[in-house]
Every structure is written in C-alpha cells, then in structure tokens.
PDBML (XML) file of the C-alpha atoms, coordinates in Angstrom:
<?xml version="1.0" encoding="UTF-8" ?>
<PDBx:datablock datablockName="MODEL"
   xmlns:PDBx="http://pdbml.pdb.org/schema/pdbx-v50.xsd"
   xmlns:xsi="http://www.w3.org/2001/XMLSchema-instance"
   xsi:schemaLocation="http://pdbml.pdb.org/schema/pdbx-v50.xsd pdbx-v50.xsd">
   <PDBx:atom_siteCategory>
      <PDBx:atom_site id="1">
         <PDBx:B_iso_or_equiv>0.00</PDBx:B_iso_or_equiv>
         <PDBx:Cartn_x>1.265</PDBx:Cartn_x>
         <PDBx:Cartn_y>13.531</PDBx:Cartn_y>
         <PDBx:Cartn_z>-2.569</PDBx:Cartn_z>
         <PDBx:auth_asym_id>A</PDBx:auth_asym_id>
         <PDBx:auth_atom_id>CA</PDBx:auth_atom_id>
         <PDBx:auth_comp_id>GLY</PDBx:auth_comp_id>
         <PDBx:auth_seq_id>1</PDBx:auth_seq_id>
         <PDBx:group_PDB>ATOM</PDBx:group_PDB>
         <PDBx:label_alt_id xsi:nil="true" />
         <PDBx:label_asym_id>A</PDBx:label_asym_id>
         <PDBx:label_atom_id>CA</PDBx:label_atom_id>
         <PDBx:label_comp_id>GLY</PDBx:label_comp_id>
         <PDBx:label_entity_id>1</PDBx:label_entity_id>
         <PDBx:label_seq_id>1</PDBx:label_seq_id>
         <PDBx:occupancy>1.00</PDBx:occupancy>
         <PDBx:pdbx_PDB_model_num>1</PDBx:pdbx_PDB_model_num>
         <PDBx:type_symbol>C</PDBx:type_symbol>
      </PDBx:atom_site>
      <PDBx:atom_site id="2">
         <PDBx:B_iso_or_equiv>0.00</PDBx:B_iso_or_equiv>
         <PDBx:Cartn_x>4.838</PDBx:Cartn_x>
         <PDBx:Cartn_y>13.145</PDBx:Cartn_y>
         <PDBx:Cartn_z>-1.270</PDBx:Cartn_z>
         <PDBx:auth_asym_id>A</PDBx:auth_asym_id>
         <PDBx:auth_atom_id>CA</PDBx:auth_atom_id>
         <PDBx:auth_comp_id>ASP</PDBx:auth_comp_id>
         <PDBx:auth_seq_id>2</PDBx:auth_seq_id>
         <PDBx:group_PDB>ATOM</PDBx:group_PDB>
         <PDBx:label_alt_id xsi:nil="true" />
         <PDBx:label_asym_id>A</PDBx:label_asym_id>
         <PDBx:label_atom_id>CA</PDBx:label_atom_id>
         <PDBx:label_comp_id>ASP</PDBx:label_comp_id>
         <PDBx:label_entity_id>1</PDBx:label_entity_id>
         <PDBx:label_seq_id>2</PDBx:label_seq_id>
         <PDBx:occupancy>1.00</PDBx:occupancy>
         <PDBx:pdbx_PDB_model_num>1</PDBx:pdbx_PDB_model_num>
         <PDBx:type_symbol>C</PDBx:type_symbol>
      </PDBx:atom_site>
      <PDBx:atom_site id="3">
         <PDBx:B_iso_or_equiv>0.00</PDBx:B_iso_or_equiv>
         <PDBx:Cartn_x>6.388</PDBx:Cartn_x>
         <PDBx:Cartn_y>12.719</PDBx:Cartn_y>
         <PDBx:Cartn_z>-4.733</PDBx:Cartn_z>
         <PDBx:auth_asym_id>A</PDBx:auth_asym_id>
         <PDBx:auth_atom_id>CA</PDBx:auth_atom_id>
         <PDBx:auth_comp_id>GLY</PDBx:auth_comp_id>
         <PDBx:auth_seq_id>3</PDBx:auth_seq_id>
         <PDBx:group_PDB>ATOM</PDBx:group_PDB>
         <PDBx:label_alt_id xsi:nil="true" />
         <PDBx:label_asym_id>A</PDBx:label_asym_id>
         <PDBx:label_atom_id>CA</PDBx:label_atom_id>
         <PDBx:label_comp_id>GLY</PDBx:label_comp_id>
         <PDBx:label_entity_id>1</PDBx:label_entity_id>
         <PDBx:label_seq_id>3</PDBx:label_seq_id>
         <PDBx:occupancy>1.00</PDBx:occupancy>
         <PDBx:pdbx_PDB_model_num>1</PDBx:pdbx_PDB_model_num>
         <PDBx:type_symbol>C</PDBx:type_symbol>
      </PDBx:atom_site>
      <PDBx:atom_site id="4">
         <PDBx:B_iso_or_equiv>0.00</PDBx:B_iso_or_equiv>
         <PDBx:Cartn_x>7.185</PDBx:Cartn_x>
         <PDBx:Cartn_y>9.009</PDBx:Cartn_y>
         <PDBx:Cartn_z>-4.161</PDBx:Cartn_z>
         <PDBx:auth_asym_id>A</PDBx:auth_asym_id>
         <PDBx:auth_atom_id>CA</PDBx:auth_atom_id>
         <PDBx:auth_comp_id>ARG</PDBx:auth_comp_id>
         <PDBx:auth_seq_id>4</PDBx:auth_seq_id>
         <PDBx:group_PDB>ATOM</PDBx:group_PDB>
         <PDBx:label_alt_id xsi:nil="true" />
         <PDBx:label_asym_id>A</PDBx:label_asym_id>
         <PDBx:label_atom_id>CA</PDBx:label_atom_id>
         <PDBx:label_comp_id>ARG</PDBx:label_comp_id>
         <PDBx:label_entity_id>1</PDBx:label_entity_id>
         <PDBx:label_seq_id>4</PDBx:label_seq_id>
         <PDBx:occupancy>1.00</PDBx:occupancy>
         <PDBx:pdbx_PDB_model_num>1</PDBx:pdbx_PDB_model_num>
         <PDBx:type_symbol>C</PDBx:type_symbol>
      </PDBx:atom_site>
      <PDBx:atom_site id="5">
         <PDBx:B_iso_or_equiv>0.00</PDBx:B_iso_or_equiv>
         <PDBx:Cartn_x>5.139</PDBx:Cartn_x>
         <PDBx:Cartn_y>6.028</PDBx:Cartn_y>
         <PDBx:Cartn_z>-5.259</PDBx:Cartn_z>
         <PDBx:auth_asym_id>A</PDBx:auth_asym_id>
         <PDBx:auth_atom_id>CA</PDBx:auth_atom_id>
         <PDBx:auth_comp_id>GLU</PDBx:auth_comp_id>
         <PDBx:auth_seq_id>5</PDBx:auth_seq_id>
         <PDBx:group_PDB>ATOM</PDBx:group_PDB>
         <PDBx:label_alt_id xsi:nil="true" />
         <PDBx:label_asym_id>A</PDBx:label_asym_id>
         <PDBx:label_atom_id>CA</PDBx:label_atom_id>
         <PDBx:label_comp_id>GLU</PDBx:label_comp_id>
         <PDBx:label_entity_id>1</PDBx:label_entity_id>
         <PDBx:label_seq_id>5</PDBx:label_seq_id>
         <PDBx:occupancy>1.00</PDBx:occupancy>
         <PDBx:pdbx_PDB_model_num>1</PDBx:pdbx_PDB_model_num>
         <PDBx:type_symbol>C</PDBx:type_symbol>
      </PDBx:atom_site>
      <PDBx:atom_site id="6">
         <PDBx:B_iso_or_equiv>0.00</PDBx:B_iso_or_equiv>
         <PDBx:Cartn_x>3.510</PDBx:Cartn_x>
         <PDBx:Cartn_y>3.662</PDBx:Cartn_y>
         <PDBx:Cartn_z>-2.772</PDBx:Cartn_z>
         <PDBx:auth_asym_id>A</PDBx:auth_asym_id>
         <PDBx:auth_atom_id>CA</PDBx:auth_atom_id>
         <PDBx:auth_comp_id>GLU</PDBx:auth_comp_id>
         <PDBx:auth_seq_id>6</PDBx:auth_seq_id>
         <PDBx:group_PDB>ATOM</PDBx:group_PDB>
         <PDBx:label_alt_id xsi:nil="true" />
         <PDBx:label_asym_id>A</PDBx:label_asym_id>
         <PDBx:label_atom_id>CA</PDBx:label_atom_id>
         <PDBx:label_comp_id>GLU</PDBx:label_comp_id>
         <PDBx:label_entity_id>1</PDBx:label_entity_id>
         <PDBx:label_seq_id>6</PDBx:label_seq_id>
         <PDBx:occupancy>1.00</PDBx:occupancy>
         <PDBx:pdbx_PDB_model_num>1</PDBx:pdbx_PDB_model_num>
         <PDBx:type_symbol>C</PDBx:type_symbol>
      </PDBx:atom_site>
      <PDBx:atom_site id="7">
         <PDBx:B_iso_or_equiv>0.00</PDBx:B_iso_or_equiv>
         <PDBx:Cartn_x>2.072</PDBx:Cartn_x>
         <PDBx:Cartn_y>0.169</PDBx:Cartn_y>
         <PDBx:Cartn_z>-3.226</PDBx:Cartn_z>
         <PDBx:auth_asym_id>A</PDBx:auth_asym_id>
         <PDBx:auth_atom_id>CA</PDBx:auth_atom_id>
         <PDBx:auth_comp_id>LEU</PDBx:auth_comp_id>
         <PDBx:auth_seq_id>7</PDBx:auth_seq_id>
         <PDBx:group_PDB>ATOM</PDBx:group_PDB>
         <PDBx:label_alt_id xsi:nil="true" />
         <PDBx:label_asym_id>A</PDBx:label_asym_id>
         <PDBx:label_atom_id>CA</PDBx:label_atom_id>
         <PDBx:label_comp_id>LEU</PDBx:label_comp_id>
         <PDBx:label_entity_id>1</PDBx:label_entity_id>
         <PDBx:label_seq_id>7</PDBx:label_seq_id>
         <PDBx:occupancy>1.00</PDBx:occupancy>
         <PDBx:pdbx_PDB_model_num>1</PDBx:pdbx_PDB_model_num>
         <PDBx:type_symbol>C</PDBx:type_symbol>
      </PDBx:atom_site>
      <PDBx:atom_site id="8">
         <PDBx:B_iso_or_equiv>0.00</PDBx:B_iso_or_equiv>
         <PDBx:Cartn_x>-1.611</PDBx:Cartn_x>
         <PDBx:Cartn_y>-0.368</PDBx:Cartn_y>
         <PDBx:Cartn_z>-2.391</PDBx:Cartn_z>
         <PDBx:auth_asym_id>A</PDBx:auth_asym_id>
         <PDBx:auth_atom_id>CA</PDBx:auth_atom_id>
         <PDBx:auth_comp_id>VAL</PDBx:auth_comp_id>
         <PDBx:auth_seq_id>8</PDBx:auth_seq_id>
         <PDBx:group_PDB>ATOM</PDBx:group_PDB>
         <PDBx:label_alt_id xsi:nil="true" />
         <PDBx:label_asym_id>A</PDBx:label_asym_id>
         <PDBx:label_atom_id>CA</PDBx:label_atom_id>
         <PDBx:label_comp_id>VAL</PDBx:label_comp_id>
         <PDBx:label_entity_id>1</PDBx:label_entity_id>
         <PDBx:label_seq_id>8</PDBx:label_seq_id>
         <PDBx:occupancy>1.00</PDBx:occupancy>
         <PDBx:pdbx_PDB_model_num>1</PDBx:pdbx_PDB_model_num>
         <PDBx:type_symbol>C</PDBx:type_symbol>
      </PDBx:atom_site>
      <PDBx:atom_site id="9">
         <PDBx:B_iso_or_equiv>0.00</PDBx:B_iso_or_equiv>
         <PDBx:Cartn_x>-3.116</PDBx:Cartn_x>
         <PDBx:Cartn_y>-3.855</PDBx:Cartn_y>
         <PDBx:Cartn_z>-2.121</PDBx:Cartn_z>
         <PDBx:auth_asym_id>A</PDBx:auth_asym_id>
         <PDBx:auth_atom_id>CA</PDBx:auth_atom_id>
         <PDBx:auth_comp_id>PHE</PDBx:auth_comp_id>
         <PDBx:auth_seq_id>9</PDBx:auth_seq_id>
         <PDBx:group_PDB>ATOM</PDBx:group_PDB>
         <PDBx:label_alt_id xsi:nil="true" />
         <PDBx:label_asym_id>A</PDBx:label_asym_id>
         <PDBx:label_atom_id>CA</PDBx:label_atom_id>
         <PDBx:label_comp_id>PHE</PDBx:label_comp_id>
         <PDBx:label_entity_id>1</PDBx:label_entity_id>
         <PDBx:label_seq_id>9</PDBx:label_seq_id>
         <PDBx:occupancy>1.00</PDBx:occupancy>
         <PDBx:pdbx_PDB_model_num>1</PDBx:pdbx_PDB_model_num>
         <PDBx:type_symbol>C</PDBx:type_symbol>
      </PDBx:atom_site>
      <PDBx:atom_site id="10">
         <PDBx:B_iso_or_equiv>0.00</PDBx:B_iso_or_equiv>
         <PDBx:Cartn_x>-6.030</PDBx:Cartn_x>
         <PDBx:Cartn_y>-5.812</PDBx:Cartn_y>
         <PDBx:Cartn_z>-0.682</PDBx:Cartn_z>
         <PDBx:auth_asym_id>A</PDBx:auth_asym_id>
         <PDBx:auth_atom_id>CA</PDBx:auth_atom_id>
         <PDBx:auth_comp_id>TRP</PDBx:auth_comp_id>
         <PDBx:auth_seq_id>10</PDBx:auth_seq_id>
         <PDBx:group_PDB>ATOM</PDBx:group_PDB>
         <PDBx:label_alt_id xsi:nil="true" />
         <PDBx:label_asym_id>A</PDBx:label_asym_id>
         <PDBx:label_atom_id>CA</PDBx:label_atom_id>
         <PDBx:label_comp_id>TRP</PDBx:label_comp_id>
         <PDBx:label_entity_id>1</PDBx:label_entity_id>
         <PDBx:label_seq_id>10</PDBx:label_seq_id>
         <PDBx:occupancy>1.00</PDBx:occupancy>
         <PDBx:pdbx_PDB_model_num>1</PDBx:pdbx_PDB_model_num>
         <PDBx:type_symbol>C</PDBx:type_symbol>
      </PDBx:atom_site>
      <PDBx:atom_site id="11">
         <PDBx:B_iso_or_equiv>0.00</PDBx:B_iso_or_equiv>
         <PDBx:Cartn_x>-5.885</PDBx:Cartn_x>
         <PDBx:Cartn_y>-8.696</PDBx:Cartn_y>
         <PDBx:Cartn_z>1.745</PDBx:Cartn_z>
         <PDBx:auth_asym_id>A</PDBx:auth_asym_id>
         <PDBx:auth_atom_id>CA</PDBx:auth_atom_id>
         <PDBx:auth_comp_id>ASN</PDBx:auth_comp_id>
         <PDBx:auth_seq_id>11</PDBx:auth_seq_id>
         <PDBx:group_PDB>ATOM</PDBx:group_PDB>
         <PDBx:label_alt_id xsi:nil="true" />
         <PDBx:label_asym_id>A</PDBx:label_asym_id>
         <PDBx:label_atom_id>CA</PDBx:label_atom_id>
         <PDBx:label_comp_id>ASN</PDBx:label_comp_id>
         <PDBx:label_entity_id>1</PDBx:label_entity_id>
         <PDBx:label_seq_id>11</PDBx:label_seq_id>
         <PDBx:occupancy>1.00</PDBx:occupancy>
         <PDBx:pdbx_PDB_model_num>1</PDBx:pdbx_PDB_model_num>
         <PDBx:type_symbol>C</PDBx:type_symbol>
      </PDBx:atom_site>
      <PDBx:atom_site id="12">
         <PDBx:B_iso_or_equiv>0.00</PDBx:B_iso_or_equiv>
         <PDBx:Cartn_x>-9.167</PDBx:Cartn_x>
         <PDBx:Cartn_y>-10.246</PDBx:Cartn_y>
         <PDBx:Cartn_z>0.668</PDBx:Cartn_z>
         <PDBx:auth_asym_id>A</PDBx:auth_asym_id>
         <PDBx:auth_atom_id>CA</PDBx:auth_atom_id>
         <PDBx:auth_comp_id>THR</PDBx:auth_comp_id>
         <PDBx:auth_seq_id>12</PDBx:auth_seq_id>
         <PDBx:group_PDB>ATOM</PDBx:group_PDB>
         <PDBx:label_alt_id xsi:nil="true" />
         <PDBx:label_asym_id>A</PDBx:label_asym_id>
         <PDBx:label_atom_id>CA</PDBx:label_atom_id>
         <PDBx:label_comp_id>THR</PDBx:label_comp_id>
         <PDBx:label_entity_id>1</PDBx:label_entity_id>
         <PDBx:label_seq_id>12</PDBx:label_seq_id>
         <PDBx:occupancy>1.00</PDBx:occupancy>
         <PDBx:pdbx_PDB_model_num>1</PDBx:pdbx_PDB_model_num>
         <PDBx:type_symbol>C</PDBx:type_symbol>
      </PDBx:atom_site>
      <PDBx:atom_site id="13">
         <PDBx:B_iso_or_equiv>0.00</PDBx:B_iso_or_equiv>
         <PDBx:Cartn_x>-9.357</PDBx:Cartn_x>
         <PDBx:Cartn_y>-12.861</PDBx:Cartn_y>
         <PDBx:Cartn_z>3.440</PDBx:Cartn_z>
         <PDBx:auth_asym_id>A</PDBx:auth_asym_id>
         <PDBx:auth_atom_id>CA</PDBx:auth_atom_id>
         <PDBx:auth_comp_id>ASN</PDBx:auth_comp_id>
         <PDBx:auth_seq_id>13</PDBx:auth_seq_id>
         <PDBx:group_PDB>ATOM</PDBx:group_PDB>
         <PDBx:label_alt_id xsi:nil="true" />
         <PDBx:label_asym_id>A</PDBx:label_asym_id>
         <PDBx:label_atom_id>CA</PDBx:label_atom_id>
         <PDBx:label_comp_id>ASN</PDBx:label_comp_id>
         <PDBx:label_entity_id>1</PDBx:label_entity_id>
         <PDBx:label_seq_id>13</PDBx:label_seq_id>
         <PDBx:occupancy>1.00</PDBx:occupancy>
         <PDBx:pdbx_PDB_model_num>1</PDBx:pdbx_PDB_model_num>
         <PDBx:type_symbol>C</PDBx:type_symbol>
      </PDBx:atom_site>
      <PDBx:atom_site id="14">
         <PDBx:B_iso_or_equiv>0.00</PDBx:B_iso_or_equiv>
         <PDBx:Cartn_x>-9.784</PDBx:Cartn_x>
         <PDBx:Cartn_y>-10.173</PDBx:Cartn_y>
         <PDBx:Cartn_z>6.102</PDBx:Cartn_z>
         <PDBx:auth_asym_id>A</PDBx:auth_asym_id>
         <PDBx:auth_atom_id>CA</PDBx:auth_atom_id>
         <PDBx:auth_comp_id>VAL</PDBx:auth_comp_id>
         <PDBx:auth_seq_id>14</PDBx:auth_seq_id>
         <PDBx:group_PDB>ATOM</PDBx:group_PDB>
         <PDBx:label_alt_id xsi:nil="true" />
         <PDBx:label_asym_id>A</PDBx:label_asym_id>
         <PDBx:label_atom_id>CA</PDBx:label_atom_id>
         <PDBx:label_comp_id>VAL</PDBx:label_comp_id>
         <PDBx:label_entity_id>1</PDBx:label_entity_id>
         <PDBx:label_seq_id>14</PDBx:label_seq_id>
         <PDBx:occupancy>1.00</PDBx:occupancy>
         <PDBx:pdbx_PDB_model_num>1</PDBx:pdbx_PDB_model_num>
         <PDBx:type_symbol>C</PDBx:type_symbol>
      </PDBx:atom_site>
      <PDBx:atom_site id="15">
         <PDBx:B_iso_or_equiv>0.00</PDBx:B_iso_or_equiv>
         <PDBx:Cartn_x>-11.222</PDBx:Cartn_x>
         <PDBx:Cartn_y>-7.350</PDBx:Cartn_y>
         <PDBx:Cartn_z>3.916</PDBx:Cartn_z>
         <PDBx:auth_asym_id>A</PDBx:auth_asym_id>
         <PDBx:auth_atom_id>CA</PDBx:auth_atom_id>
         <PDBx:auth_comp_id>CYS</PDBx:auth_comp_id>
         <PDBx:auth_seq_id>15</PDBx:auth_seq_id>
         <PDBx:group_PDB>ATOM</PDBx:group_PDB>
         <PDBx:label_alt_id xsi:nil="true" />
         <PDBx:label_asym_id>A</PDBx:label_asym_id>
         <PDBx:label_atom_id>CA</PDBx:label_atom_id>
         <PDBx:label_comp_id>CYS</PDBx:label_comp_id>
         <PDBx:label_entity_id>1</PDBx:label_entity_id>
         <PDBx:label_seq_id>15</PDBx:label_seq_id>
         <PDBx:occupancy>1.00</PDBx:occupancy>
         <PDBx:pdbx_PDB_model_num>1</PDBx:pdbx_PDB_model_num>
         <PDBx:type_symbol>C</PDBx:type_symbol>
      </PDBx:atom_site>
      <PDBx:atom_site id="16">
         <PDBx:B_iso_or_equiv>0.00</PDBx:B_iso_or_equiv>
         <PDBx:Cartn_x>-8.337</PDBx:Cartn_x>
         <PDBx:Cartn_y>-4.956</PDBx:Cartn_y>
         <PDBx:Cartn_z>4.575</PDBx:Cartn_z>
         <PDBx:auth_asym_id>A</PDBx:auth_asym_id>
         <PDBx:auth_atom_id>CA</PDBx:auth_atom_id>
         <PDBx:auth_comp_id>LYS</PDBx:auth_comp_id>
         <PDBx:auth_seq_id>16</PDBx:auth_seq_id>
         <PDBx:group_PDB>ATOM</PDBx:group_PDB>
         <PDBx:label_alt_id xsi:nil="true" />
         <PDBx:label_asym_id>A</PDBx:label_asym_id>
         <PDBx:label_atom_id>CA</PDBx:label_atom_id>
         <PDBx:label_comp_id>LYS</PDBx:label_comp_id>
         <PDBx:label_entity_id>1</PDBx:label_entity_id>
         <PDBx:label_seq_id>16</PDBx:label_seq_id>
         <PDBx:occupancy>1.00</PDBx:occupancy>
         <PDBx:pdbx_PDB_model_num>1</PDBx:pdbx_PDB_model_num>
         <PDBx:type_symbol>C</PDBx:type_symbol>
      </PDBx:atom_site>
      <PDBx:atom_site id="17">
         <PDBx:B_iso_or_equiv>0.00</PDBx:B_iso_or_equiv>
         <PDBx:Cartn_x>-6.802</PDBx:Cartn_x>
         <PDBx:Cartn_y>-2.395</PDBx:Cartn_y>
         <PDBx:Cartn_z>2.229</PDBx:Cartn_z>
         <PDBx:auth_asym_id>A</PDBx:auth_asym_id>
         <PDBx:auth_atom_id>CA</PDBx:auth_atom_id>
         <PDBx:auth_comp_id>LEU</PDBx:auth_comp_id>
         <PDBx:auth_seq_id>17</PDBx:auth_seq_id>
         <PDBx:group_PDB>ATOM</PDBx:group_PDB>
         <PDBx:label_alt_id xsi:nil="true" />
         <PDBx:label_asym_id>A</PDBx:label_asym_id>
         <PDBx:label_atom_id>CA</PDBx:label_atom_id>
         <PDBx:label_comp_id>LEU</PDBx:label_comp_id>
         <PDBx:label_entity_id>1</PDBx:label_entity_id>
         <PDBx:label_seq_id>17</PDBx:label_seq_id>
         <PDBx:occupancy>1.00</PDBx:occupancy>
         <PDBx:pdbx_PDB_model_num>1</PDBx:pdbx_PDB_model_num>
         <PDBx:type_symbol>C</PDBx:type_symbol>
      </PDBx:atom_site>
      <PDBx:atom_site id="18">
         <PDBx:B_iso_or_equiv>0.00</PDBx:B_iso_or_equiv>
         <PDBx:Cartn_x>-3.126</PDBx:Cartn_x>
         <PDBx:Cartn_y>-1.590</PDBx:Cartn_y>
         <PDBx:Cartn_z>2.872</PDBx:Cartn_z>
         <PDBx:auth_asym_id>A</PDBx:auth_asym_id>
         <PDBx:auth_atom_id>CA</PDBx:auth_atom_id>
         <PDBx:auth_comp_id>PHE</PDBx:auth_comp_id>
         <PDBx:auth_seq_id>18</PDBx:auth_seq_id>
         <PDBx:group_PDB>ATOM</PDBx:group_PDB>
         <PDBx:label_alt_id xsi:nil="true" />
         <PDBx:label_asym_id>A</PDBx:label_asym_id>
         <PDBx:label_atom_id>CA</PDBx:label_atom_id>
         <PDBx:label_comp_id>PHE</PDBx:label_comp_id>
         <PDBx:label_entity_id>1</PDBx:label_entity_id>
         <PDBx:label_seq_id>18</PDBx:label_seq_id>
         <PDBx:occupancy>1.00</PDBx:occupancy>
         <PDBx:pdbx_PDB_model_num>1</PDBx:pdbx_PDB_model_num>
         <PDBx:type_symbol>C</PDBx:type_symbol>
      </PDBx:atom_site>
      <PDBx:atom_site id="19">
         <PDBx:B_iso_or_equiv>0.00</PDBx:B_iso_or_equiv>
         <PDBx:Cartn_x>-0.596</PDBx:Cartn_x>
         <PDBx:Cartn_y>0.969</PDBx:Cartn_y>
         <PDBx:Cartn_z>1.673</PDBx:Cartn_z>
         <PDBx:auth_asym_id>A</PDBx:auth_asym_id>
         <PDBx:auth_atom_id>CA</PDBx:auth_atom_id>
         <PDBx:auth_comp_id>ILE</PDBx:auth_comp_id>
         <PDBx:auth_seq_id>19</PDBx:auth_seq_id>
         <PDBx:group_PDB>ATOM</PDBx:group_PDB>
         <PDBx:label_alt_id xsi:nil="true" />
         <PDBx:label_asym_id>A</PDBx:label_asym_id>
         <PDBx:label_atom_id>CA</PDBx:label_atom_id>
         <PDBx:label_comp_id>ILE</PDBx:label_comp_id>
         <PDBx:label_entity_id>1</PDBx:label_entity_id>
         <PDBx:label_seq_id>19</PDBx:label_seq_id>
         <PDBx:occupancy>1.00</PDBx:occupancy>
         <PDBx:pdbx_PDB_model_num>1</PDBx:pdbx_PDB_model_num>
         <PDBx:type_symbol>C</PDBx:type_symbol>
      </PDBx:atom_site>
      <PDBx:atom_site id="20">
         <PDBx:B_iso_or_equiv>0.00</PDBx:B_iso_or_equiv>
         <PDBx:Cartn_x>3.139</PDBx:Cartn_x>
         <PDBx:Cartn_y>0.295</PDBx:Cartn_y>
         <PDBx:Cartn_z>1.785</PDBx:Cartn_z>
         <PDBx:auth_asym_id>A</PDBx:auth_asym_id>
         <PDBx:auth_atom_id>CA</PDBx:auth_atom_id>
         <PDBx:auth_comp_id>ALA</PDBx:auth_comp_id>
         <PDBx:auth_seq_id>20</PDBx:auth_seq_id>
         <PDBx:group_PDB>ATOM</PDBx:group_PDB>
         <PDBx:label_alt_id xsi:nil="true" />
         <PDBx:label_asym_id>A</PDBx:label_asym_id>
         <PDBx:label_atom_id>CA</PDBx:label_atom_id>
         <PDBx:label_comp_id>ALA</PDBx:label_comp_id>
         <PDBx:label_entity_id>1</PDBx:label_entity_id>
         <PDBx:label_seq_id>20</PDBx:label_seq_id>
         <PDBx:occupancy>1.00</PDBx:occupancy>
         <PDBx:pdbx_PDB_model_num>1</PDBx:pdbx_PDB_model_num>
         <PDBx:type_symbol>C</PDBx:type_symbol>
      </PDBx:atom_site>
      <PDBx:atom_site id="21">
         <PDBx:B_iso_or_equiv>0.00</PDBx:B_iso_or_equiv>
         <PDBx:Cartn_x>5.927</PDBx:Cartn_x>
         <PDBx:Cartn_y>2.839</PDBx:Cartn_y>
         <PDBx:Cartn_z>1.528</PDBx:Cartn_z>
         <PDBx:auth_asym_id>A</PDBx:auth_asym_id>
         <PDBx:auth_atom_id>CA</PDBx:auth_atom_id>
         <PDBx:auth_comp_id>GLU</PDBx:auth_comp_id>
         <PDBx:auth_seq_id>21</PDBx:auth_seq_id>
         <PDBx:group_PDB>ATOM</PDBx:group_PDB>
         <PDBx:label_alt_id xsi:nil="true" />
         <PDBx:label_asym_id>A</PDBx:label_asym_id>
         <PDBx:label_atom_id>CA</PDBx:label_atom_id>
         <PDBx:label_comp_id>GLU</PDBx:label_comp_id>
         <PDBx:label_entity_id>1</PDBx:label_entity_id>
         <PDBx:label_seq_id>21</PDBx:label_seq_id>
         <PDBx:occupancy>1.00</PDBx:occupancy>
         <PDBx:pdbx_PDB_model_num>1</PDBx:pdbx_PDB_model_num>
         <PDBx:type_symbol>C</PDBx:type_symbol>
      </PDBx:atom_site>
      <PDBx:atom_site id="22">
         <PDBx:B_iso_or_equiv>0.00</PDBx:B_iso_or_equiv>
         <PDBx:Cartn_x>8.526</PDBx:Cartn_x>
         <PDBx:Cartn_y>1.557</PDBx:Cartn_y>
         <PDBx:Cartn_z>-0.938</PDBx:Cartn_z>
         <PDBx:auth_asym_id>A</PDBx:auth_asym_id>
         <PDBx:auth_atom_id>CA</PDBx:auth_atom_id>
         <PDBx:auth_comp_id>ILE</PDBx:auth_comp_id>
         <PDBx:auth_seq_id>22</PDBx:auth_seq_id>
         <PDBx:group_PDB>ATOM</PDBx:group_PDB>
         <PDBx:label_alt_id xsi:nil="true" />
         <PDBx:label_asym_id>A</PDBx:label_asym_id>
         <PDBx:label_atom_id>CA</PDBx:label_atom_id>
         <PDBx:label_comp_id>ILE</PDBx:label_comp_id>
         <PDBx:label_entity_id>1</PDBx:label_entity_id>
         <PDBx:label_seq_id>22</PDBx:label_seq_id>
         <PDBx:occupancy>1.00</PDBx:occupancy>
         <PDBx:pdbx_PDB_model_num>1</PDBx:pdbx_PDB_model_num>
         <PDBx:type_symbol>C</PDBx:type_symbol>
      </PDBx:atom_site>
      <PDBx:atom_site id="23">
         <PDBx:B_iso_or_equiv>0.00</PDBx:B_iso_or_equiv>
         <PDBx:Cartn_x>11.999</PDBx:Cartn_x>
         <PDBx:Cartn_y>1.418</PDBx:Cartn_y>
         <PDBx:Cartn_z>0.635</PDBx:Cartn_z>
         <PDBx:auth_asym_id>A</PDBx:auth_asym_id>
         <PDBx:auth_atom_id>CA</PDBx:auth_atom_id>
         <PDBx:auth_comp_id>PRO</PDBx:auth_comp_id>
         <PDBx:auth_seq_id>23</PDBx:auth_seq_id>
         <PDBx:group_PDB>ATOM</PDBx:group_PDB>
         <PDBx:label_alt_id xsi:nil="true" />
         <PDBx:label_asym_id>A</PDBx:label_asym_id>
         <PDBx:label_atom_id>CA</PDBx:label_atom_id>
         <PDBx:label_comp_id>PRO</PDBx:label_comp_id>
         <PDBx:label_entity_id>1</PDBx:label_entity_id>
         <PDBx:label_seq_id>23</PDBx:label_seq_id>
         <PDBx:occupancy>1.00</PDBx:occupancy>
         <PDBx:pdbx_PDB_model_num>1</PDBx:pdbx_PDB_model_num>
         <PDBx:type_symbol>C</PDBx:type_symbol>
      </PDBx:atom_site>
      <PDBx:atom_site id="24">
         <PDBx:B_iso_or_equiv>0.00</PDBx:B_iso_or_equiv>
         <PDBx:Cartn_x>15.045</PDBx:Cartn_x>
         <PDBx:Cartn_y>2.961</PDBx:Cartn_y>
         <PDBx:Cartn_z>-1.045</PDBx:Cartn_z>
         <PDBx:auth_asym_id>A</PDBx:auth_asym_id>
         <PDBx:auth_atom_id>CA</PDBx:auth_atom_id>
         <PDBx:auth_comp_id>GLU</PDBx:auth_comp_id>
         <PDBx:auth_seq_id>24</PDBx:auth_seq_id>
         <PDBx:group_PDB>ATOM</PDBx:group_PDB>
         <PDBx:label_alt_id xsi:nil="true" />
         <PDBx:label_asym_id>A</PDBx:label_asym_id>
         <PDBx:label_atom_id>CA</PDBx:label_atom_id>
         <PDBx:label_comp_id>GLU</PDBx:label_comp_id>
         <PDBx:label_entity_id>1</PDBx:label_entity_id>
         <PDBx:label_seq_id>24</PDBx:label_seq_id>
         <PDBx:occupancy>1.00</PDBx:occupancy>
         <PDBx:pdbx_PDB_model_num>1</PDBx:pdbx_PDB_model_num>
         <PDBx:type_symbol>C</PDBx:type_symbol>
      </PDBx:atom_site>
   </PDBx:atom_siteCategory>
</PDBx:datablock>
C-alpha cells in the first residue's frame, strides 16, 4: 500500500516466499 510496486516470488527449494522492493 505504499504506492510503489514490489516483486513477489517463491524459492521452491526451501519453501520460502519473498518480497523485493524495486530500486529506483
């Protein structure tokens, strides 16, 4: 909800879900 898009992805080998802030 900060007005900027993020990237969400799985690392399926270790069953983790990540979110990454997109740099300028």
